[in-house]
Every structure is written in C-alpha cells, then in structure tokens.
Amino acid sequence: MIPLPTYLNLKYKVSIFTTPHRRHTGEDEAIRIKRHDVYKIAKLAHPERWSKDTRNWLVNKVATLNPNKKLNYLKGILLL
C-alpha cells in the first residue's frame, strides 16, 4: 500500500489533468499544451458545440494565498 502523502503527490490528480508532483517539476506544461491542442482541434471540428473560447490553459508560475489580503496590506504600507 502506498503511504498517503506519496499517493497525494504522485498519483492523485488535484485537477483533472495533473498531479502536484508534475506541477512542481514542470512536467504539467507538456500535458497542458497537448490538452490545449486537443481542445483547439475539437473546436475546429465542431464549432457549434462551443459558445466561447476554450479554457485558459496558462498557469501562473507564482501562486498566492489570499492575494487581496496581501494587496490590501501593501496598500496600507504605502499609505503610511
């Protein structure tokens, strides 16, 4: 049996497409590029099924918890 932390990092897909390990090592970029190509081809083949563009496959390189809270904090510093 796989230990839970190992399972969560290497096997469990937090999003539909990738694991946290692949995200941290950069392996997810190739997956997202392929997925974007699949969606573009699907949209070209059946445009009537799409009311908007496909999802945004770009990923921010930096993730911030509570970005508004941090921004408000920085604004407070600048106002002092």
Protein backbone atom coordinates (compact mmCIF):
# COMPACT_ATOMS: atom_id res chain seq x y z
CA MET A 1 0.00 0.00 0.00
CA ILE A 2 1.26 3.48 -0.90
CA PRO A 3 1.64 5.96 2.01
CA LEU A 4 -0.94 8.74 1.84
CA PRO A 5 1.49 11.68 1.22
CA THR A 6 3.14 9.76 -1.62
CA TYR A 7 -0.24 8.92 -3.11
CA LEU A 8 -1.42 12.51 -2.90
CA ASN A 9 1.74 13.88 -4.53
CA LEU A 10 2.38 11.25 -7.18
CA LYS A 11 -0.93 9.61 -8.03
CA TYR A 12 -3.88 11.78 -7.03
CA LYS A 13 -4.83 14.33 -9.66
CA VAL A 14 -5.78 17.54 -7.88
CA SER A 15 -7.03 18.92 -11.13
CA ILE A 16 -8.35 16.65 -13.85
CA PHE A 17 -5.09 16.75 -15.76
CA THR A 18 -2.06 16.59 -13.49
CA THR A 19 -0.63 15.66 -10.11
CA PRO A 20 1.06 18.05 -7.66
CA HIS A 21 4.41 16.34 -8.36
CA ARG A 22 4.12 17.01 -12.09
CA ARG A 23 3.13 20.60 -11.33
CA HIS A 24 6.16 21.15 -9.09
CA THR A 25 8.60 19.54 -11.53
CA GLY A 26 7.20 21.35 -14.57
CA GLU A 27 6.01 18.18 -16.30
CA ASP A 28 2.47 19.56 -16.38
CA GLU A 29 3.36 22.12 -19.06
CA ALA A 30 3.58 19.48 -21.81
CA ILE A 31 0.29 18.00 -20.63
CA ARG A 32 -1.43 21.39 -20.79
CA ILE A 33 -0.01 22.12 -24.26
CA LYS A 34 -1.30 18.78 -25.58
CA ARG A 35 -4.67 19.36 -23.93
CA HIS A 36 -4.88 22.82 -25.50
CA ASP A 37 -4.19 21.30 -28.93
CA VAL A 38 -6.90 18.67 -28.40
CA TYR A 39 -9.43 21.34 -27.49
CA LYS A 40 -8.47 23.52 -30.50
CA ILE A 41 -8.94 20.57 -32.85
CA ALA A 42 -12.27 19.69 -31.23
CA LYS A 43 -13.46 23.27 -31.59
CA LEU A 44 -12.43 23.38 -35.26
CA ALA A 45 -14.18 20.06 -35.93
CA HIS A 46 -17.45 21.06 -34.20
CA PRO A 47 -17.67 24.83 -33.67
CA GLU A 48 -21.39 24.57 -32.98
CA ARG A 49 -20.60 22.87 -29.66
CA TRP A 50 -18.63 25.86 -28.41
CA SER A 51 -20.26 29.08 -27.28
CA LYS A 52 -16.96 30.63 -26.10
CA ASP A 53 -13.23 30.06 -26.31
CA THR A 54 -11.65 27.02 -24.71
CA ARG A 55 -10.42 27.29 -21.17
CA ASN A 56 -7.27 29.21 -20.35
CA TRP A 57 -4.51 26.60 -20.22
CA LEU A 58 -1.86 29.01 -18.95
CA VAL A 59 -0.80 28.55 -15.35
CA ASN A 60 0.56 31.27 -13.12
CA LYS A 61 4.10 30.43 -12.08
CA VAL A 62 3.53 32.04 -8.69
CA ALA A 63 0.56 31.17 -6.51
CA THR A 64 -0.50 33.48 -3.70
CA LEU A 65 -2.83 32.61 -0.87
CA ASN A 66 -5.25 35.44 -0.16
CA PRO A 67 -3.90 37.79 -2.85
CA ASN A 68 -6.41 40.54 -1.98
CA LYS A 69 -5.38 40.46 1.66
CA LYS A 70 -1.71 40.82 0.69
CA LEU A 71 -2.52 43.64 -1.73
CA ASN A 72 -4.50 45.50 0.94
CA TYR A 73 -1.62 45.05 3.36
CA LEU A 74 0.83 46.50 0.83
CA LYS A 75 -1.52 49.40 0.09
CA GLY A 76 -1.66 50.14 3.83
CA ILE A 77 2.13 50.28 3.99
CA LEU A 78 2.29 52.62 1.00
CA LEU A 79 -0.31 54.97 2.54
CA LEU A 80 1.63 55.38 5.81
